[in-house]
Amino acid sequence: MPLLQKMDRMVSFRLSNEEYEQMREICEATGARTISDVARMAMEAFVRNGHSRKTNLELSARVEELESHIERLDFRLAELTGAAPQATGGGE
């Protein structure tokens, strides 16, 4: 985005004190001129990366798959060491 591009539209949203401080820290760390610049860069990255419901569903499926692998590895490790496997579910 050109440095001196005229901004015609405004978007407003509220932040908690903690969120505001995080944005301010990011602003300082990245050398952004304003918190608005940080928010704009974040939205551009979000749109550019094509975040969509499908992407979120794919990520959720991948996390579930990884959790399943971890459970199997934990169980196998317990078998190999002679330790009792720990329950990972909350239904007991």
N, C-alpha and C. Protein backbone atom coordinates (compact mmCIF):
# COMPACT_ATOMS: atom_id res chain seq x y z
N MET A 1 0.85 -1.16 0.00
CA MET A 1 0.00 0.00 0.00
C MET A 1 0.90 1.23 0.00
N PRO A 2 0.62 2.19 -0.88
CA PRO A 2 1.43 3.41 -0.90
C PRO A 2 1.38 4.11 0.45
N LEU A 3 2.50 4.71 0.82
CA LEU A 3 2.62 5.32 2.14
C LEU A 3 1.60 6.43 2.37
N LEU A 4 1.34 7.24 1.36
CA LEU A 4 0.44 8.39 1.55
C LEU A 4 -0.89 8.22 0.84
N GLN A 5 -1.34 6.99 0.68
CA GLN A 5 -2.63 6.74 0.04
C GLN A 5 -3.75 7.32 0.89
N LYS A 6 -4.68 8.04 0.24
CA LYS A 6 -5.80 8.63 0.95
C LYS A 6 -6.76 7.52 1.40
N MET A 7 -7.14 7.59 2.64
CA MET A 7 -8.08 6.62 3.20
C MET A 7 -9.47 7.25 3.20
N ASP A 8 -10.41 6.62 2.49
CA ASP A 8 -11.75 7.18 2.35
C ASP A 8 -12.77 6.58 3.32
N ARG A 9 -12.51 5.41 3.82
CA ARG A 9 -13.49 4.71 4.67
C ARG A 9 -12.93 4.51 6.07
N MET A 10 -13.85 4.41 7.02
CA MET A 10 -13.42 4.19 8.39
C MET A 10 -14.15 2.97 8.96
N VAL A 11 -13.42 2.15 9.68
CA VAL A 11 -13.97 1.01 10.40
C VAL A 11 -13.61 1.21 11.85
N SER A 12 -14.57 0.97 12.73
CA SER A 12 -14.34 1.20 14.15
C SER A 12 -14.70 -0.06 14.92
N PHE A 13 -13.87 -0.41 15.91
CA PHE A 13 -14.19 -1.52 16.79
C PHE A 13 -13.56 -1.27 18.14
N ARG A 14 -14.10 -1.89 19.16
CA ARG A 14 -13.62 -1.69 20.52
C ARG A 14 -12.63 -2.78 20.89
N LEU A 15 -11.69 -2.43 21.78
CA LEU A 15 -10.70 -3.36 22.30
C LEU A 15 -10.71 -3.31 23.81
N SER A 16 -10.38 -4.43 24.42
CA SER A 16 -10.18 -4.41 25.87
C SER A 16 -8.85 -3.71 26.13
N ASN A 17 -8.59 -3.36 27.38
CA ASN A 17 -7.30 -2.74 27.71
C ASN A 17 -6.14 -3.65 27.31
N GLU A 18 -6.29 -4.95 27.55
CA GLU A 18 -5.23 -5.90 27.22
C GLU A 18 -5.00 -5.97 25.72
N GLU A 19 -6.09 -6.01 24.94
CA GLU A 19 -5.97 -6.05 23.49
C GLU A 19 -5.31 -4.78 22.96
N TYR A 20 -5.69 -3.64 23.54
CA TYR A 20 -5.11 -2.37 23.11
C TYR A 20 -3.61 -2.35 23.37
N GLU A 21 -3.19 -2.84 24.53
CA GLU A 21 -1.76 -2.87 24.87
C GLU A 21 -1.01 -3.81 23.92
N GLN A 22 -1.63 -4.94 23.57
CA GLN A 22 -1.01 -5.86 22.62
C GLN A 22 -0.84 -5.18 21.26
N MET A 23 -1.85 -4.46 20.82
CA MET A 23 -1.77 -3.75 19.54
C MET A 23 -0.68 -2.69 19.60
N ARG A 24 -0.59 -1.99 20.70
CA ARG A 24 0.43 -0.95 20.85
C ARG A 24 1.83 -1.55 20.80
N GLU A 25 2.00 -2.70 21.46
CA GLU A 25 3.30 -3.39 21.45
C GLU A 25 3.65 -3.85 20.04
N ILE A 26 2.67 -4.38 19.32
CA ILE A 26 2.91 -4.80 17.94
C ILE A 26 3.27 -3.60 17.08
N CYS A 27 2.60 -2.50 17.32
CA CYS A 27 2.87 -1.26 16.59
C CYS A 27 4.33 -0.86 16.78
N GLU A 28 4.79 -0.85 18.00
CA GLU A 28 6.18 -0.48 18.30
C GLU A 28 7.15 -1.49 17.70
N ALA A 29 6.84 -2.78 17.83
CA ALA A 29 7.75 -3.83 17.37
C ALA A 29 7.88 -3.85 15.85
N THR A 30 6.81 -3.53 15.15
CA THR A 30 6.83 -3.58 13.68
C THR A 30 7.20 -2.26 13.05
N GLY A 31 7.23 -1.21 13.85
CA GLY A 31 7.54 0.11 13.29
C GLY A 31 6.36 0.75 12.59
N ALA A 32 5.17 0.21 12.84
CA ALA A 32 3.97 0.81 12.24
C ALA A 32 3.75 2.19 12.85
N ARG A 33 3.19 3.10 12.05
CA ARG A 33 2.98 4.46 12.54
C ARG A 33 1.86 4.54 13.56
N THR A 34 0.81 3.75 13.35
CA THR A 34 -0.36 3.83 14.22
C THR A 34 -0.94 2.45 14.46
N ILE A 35 -1.80 2.35 15.46
CA ILE A 35 -2.52 1.11 15.71
C ILE A 35 -3.44 0.80 14.54
N SER A 36 -3.97 1.82 13.90
CA SER A 36 -4.80 1.62 12.71
C SER A 36 -4.00 0.91 11.62
N ASP A 37 -2.73 1.28 11.46
CA ASP A 37 -1.89 0.61 10.46
C ASP A 37 -1.73 -0.87 10.80
N VAL A 38 -1.56 -1.18 12.08
CA VAL A 38 -1.42 -2.58 12.50
C VAL A 38 -2.71 -3.35 12.19
N ALA A 39 -3.85 -2.77 12.54
CA ALA A 39 -5.13 -3.42 12.28
C ALA A 39 -5.33 -3.62 10.78
N ARG A 40 -4.98 -2.64 9.98
CA ARG A 40 -5.12 -2.73 8.53
C ARG A 40 -4.22 -3.84 7.98
N MET A 41 -2.97 -3.90 8.45
CA MET A 41 -2.05 -4.95 7.98
C MET A 41 -2.58 -6.34 8.35
N ALA A 42 -3.14 -6.45 9.55
CA ALA A 42 -3.67 -7.75 9.99
C ALA A 42 -4.85 -8.17 9.11
N MET A 43 -5.73 -7.24 8.80
CA MET A 43 -6.88 -7.56 7.95
C MET A 43 -6.43 -7.90 6.53
N GLU A 44 -5.46 -7.17 6.01
CA GLU A 44 -4.94 -7.48 4.67
C GLU A 44 -4.36 -8.89 4.64
N ALA A 45 -3.60 -9.25 5.68
CA ALA A 45 -3.01 -10.59 5.74
C ALA A 45 -4.11 -11.65 5.85
N PHE A 46 -5.12 -11.37 6.63
CA PHE A 46 -6.24 -12.29 6.81
C PHE A 46 -6.94 -12.55 5.47
N VAL A 47 -7.21 -11.48 4.74
CA VAL A 47 -7.88 -11.61 3.44
C VAL A 47 -6.96 -12.27 2.42
N ARG A 48 -5.69 -11.86 2.39
CA ARG A 48 -4.73 -12.39 1.44
C ARG A 48 -4.54 -13.90 1.62
N ASN A 49 -4.56 -14.37 2.85
CA ASN A 49 -4.35 -15.78 3.13
C ASN A 49 -5.61 -16.61 2.92
N GLY A 50 -6.70 -15.98 2.53
CA GLY A 50 -7.91 -16.70 2.18
C GLY A 50 -8.57 -17.42 3.32
N HIS A 51 -8.52 -16.83 4.52
CA HIS A 51 -9.18 -17.47 5.65
C HIS A 51 -10.67 -17.54 5.39
N SER A 52 -11.16 -18.72 5.49
CA SER A 52 -12.57 -18.95 5.23
C SER A 52 -13.06 -20.05 6.15
N ARG A 53 -14.33 -20.31 6.11
CA ARG A 53 -14.89 -21.39 6.92
C ARG A 53 -14.24 -22.71 6.54
N LYS A 54 -14.01 -22.91 5.25
CA LYS A 54 -13.39 -24.15 4.79
C LYS A 54 -12.00 -24.31 5.40
N THR A 55 -11.22 -23.24 5.39
CA THR A 55 -9.88 -23.28 5.96
C THR A 55 -9.95 -23.63 7.44
N ASN A 56 -10.88 -23.02 8.16
CA ASN A 56 -11.03 -23.30 9.59
C ASN A 56 -11.45 -24.74 9.84
N LEU A 57 -12.33 -25.25 9.00
CA LEU A 57 -12.75 -26.64 9.15
C LEU A 57 -11.58 -27.59 8.86
N GLU A 58 -10.78 -27.27 7.84
CA GLU A 58 -9.61 -28.09 7.53
C GLU A 58 -8.63 -28.08 8.70
N LEU A 59 -8.43 -26.91 9.29
CA LEU A 59 -7.53 -26.80 10.43
C LEU A 59 -8.06 -27.61 11.61
N SER A 60 -9.35 -27.53 11.87
CA SER A 60 -9.94 -28.29 12.97
C SER A 60 -9.78 -29.79 12.74
N ALA A 61 -9.97 -30.24 11.52
CA ALA A 61 -9.81 -31.65 11.21
C ALA A 61 -8.36 -32.08 11.42
N ARG A 62 -7.44 -31.24 11.04
CA ARG A 62 -6.01 -31.55 11.21
C ARG A 62 -5.65 -31.63 12.69
N VAL A 63 -6.18 -30.72 13.50
CA VAL A 63 -5.92 -30.74 14.93
C VAL A 63 -6.47 -32.02 15.55
N GLU A 64 -7.68 -32.40 15.15
CA GLU A 64 -8.26 -33.65 15.66
C GLU A 64 -7.40 -34.84 15.28
N GLU A 65 -6.90 -34.85 14.05
CA GLU A 65 -6.03 -35.93 13.59
C GLU A 65 -4.75 -35.99 14.42
N LEU A 66 -4.15 -34.84 14.67
CA LEU A 66 -2.93 -34.80 15.48
C LEU A 66 -3.19 -35.24 16.92
N GLU A 67 -4.33 -34.84 17.48
CA GLU A 67 -4.68 -35.27 18.84
C GLU A 67 -4.82 -36.78 18.89
N SER A 68 -5.41 -37.36 17.86
CA SER A 68 -5.57 -38.82 17.79
C SER A 68 -4.21 -39.50 17.75
N HIS A 69 -3.30 -38.97 16.95
CA HIS A 69 -1.94 -39.53 16.88
C HIS A 69 -1.25 -39.44 18.24
N ILE A 70 -1.40 -38.33 18.90
CA ILE A 70 -0.78 -38.14 20.22
C ILE A 70 -1.33 -39.15 21.22
N GLU A 71 -2.64 -39.37 21.20
CA GLU A 71 -3.24 -40.34 22.11
C GLU A 71 -2.69 -41.74 21.86
N ARG A 72 -2.56 -42.11 20.56
CA ARG A 72 -2.02 -43.43 20.24
C ARG A 72 -0.56 -43.55 20.68
N LEU A 73 0.21 -42.49 20.47
CA LEU A 73 1.61 -42.51 20.90
C LEU A 73 1.72 -42.59 22.42
N ASP A 74 0.85 -41.86 23.12
CA ASP A 74 0.85 -41.89 24.58
C ASP A 74 0.53 -43.30 25.08
N PHE A 75 -0.47 -43.91 24.46
CA PHE A 75 -0.85 -45.27 24.84
C PHE A 75 0.28 -46.25 24.57
N ARG A 76 0.90 -46.13 23.40
CA ARG A 76 2.00 -47.04 23.04
C ARG A 76 3.19 -46.85 23.97
N LEU A 77 3.50 -45.60 24.31
CA LEU A 77 4.59 -45.31 25.23
C LEU A 77 4.30 -45.93 26.60
N ALA A 78 3.05 -45.83 27.05
CA ALA A 78 2.67 -46.43 28.33
C ALA A 78 2.83 -47.94 28.27
N GLU A 79 2.47 -48.54 27.14
CA GLU A 79 2.66 -49.99 26.98
C GLU A 79 4.13 -50.37 27.08
N LEU A 80 4.96 -49.61 26.40
CA LEU A 80 6.39 -49.92 26.35
C LEU A 80 7.09 -49.71 27.69
N THR A 81 6.62 -48.74 28.47
CA THR A 81 7.27 -48.46 29.76
C THR A 81 6.59 -49.17 30.91
N GLY A 82 5.48 -49.82 30.64
CA GLY A 82 4.77 -50.53 31.69
C GLY A 82 3.91 -49.63 32.55
N ALA A 83 3.76 -48.39 32.16
CA ALA A 83 2.93 -47.45 32.92
C ALA A 83 1.49 -47.57 32.45
N ALA A 84 0.57 -47.30 33.35
CA ALA A 84 -0.84 -47.33 32.99
C ALA A 84 -1.16 -46.09 32.16
N PRO A 85 -1.84 -46.25 31.02
CA PRO A 85 -2.19 -45.07 30.21
C PRO A 85 -3.19 -44.19 30.95
N GLN A 86 -3.04 -42.89 30.78
CA GLN A 86 -3.94 -41.93 31.42
C GLN A 86 -5.12 -41.67 30.50
N ALA A 87 -6.30 -41.55 31.07
CA ALA A 87 -7.48 -41.23 30.29
C ALA A 87 -7.38 -39.80 29.82
N THR A 88 -7.67 -39.56 28.52
CA THR A 88 -7.61 -38.19 28.00
C THR A 88 -9.00 -37.60 27.82
N GLY A 89 -10.02 -38.41 27.86
CA GLY A 89 -11.37 -37.89 27.72
C GLY A 89 -11.88 -37.36 29.04
N GLY A 90 -12.99 -36.69 29.03
CA GLY A 90 -13.54 -36.14 30.27
C GLY A 90 -14.79 -36.85 30.70
N GLY A 91 -15.08 -38.04 30.15
CA GLY A 91 -16.35 -38.68 30.41
C GLY A 91 -16.34 -39.69 31.52
N GLU A 92 -15.47 -39.59 32.49
CA GLU A 92 -15.46 -40.58 33.57
C GLU A 92 -16.12 -40.04 34.79
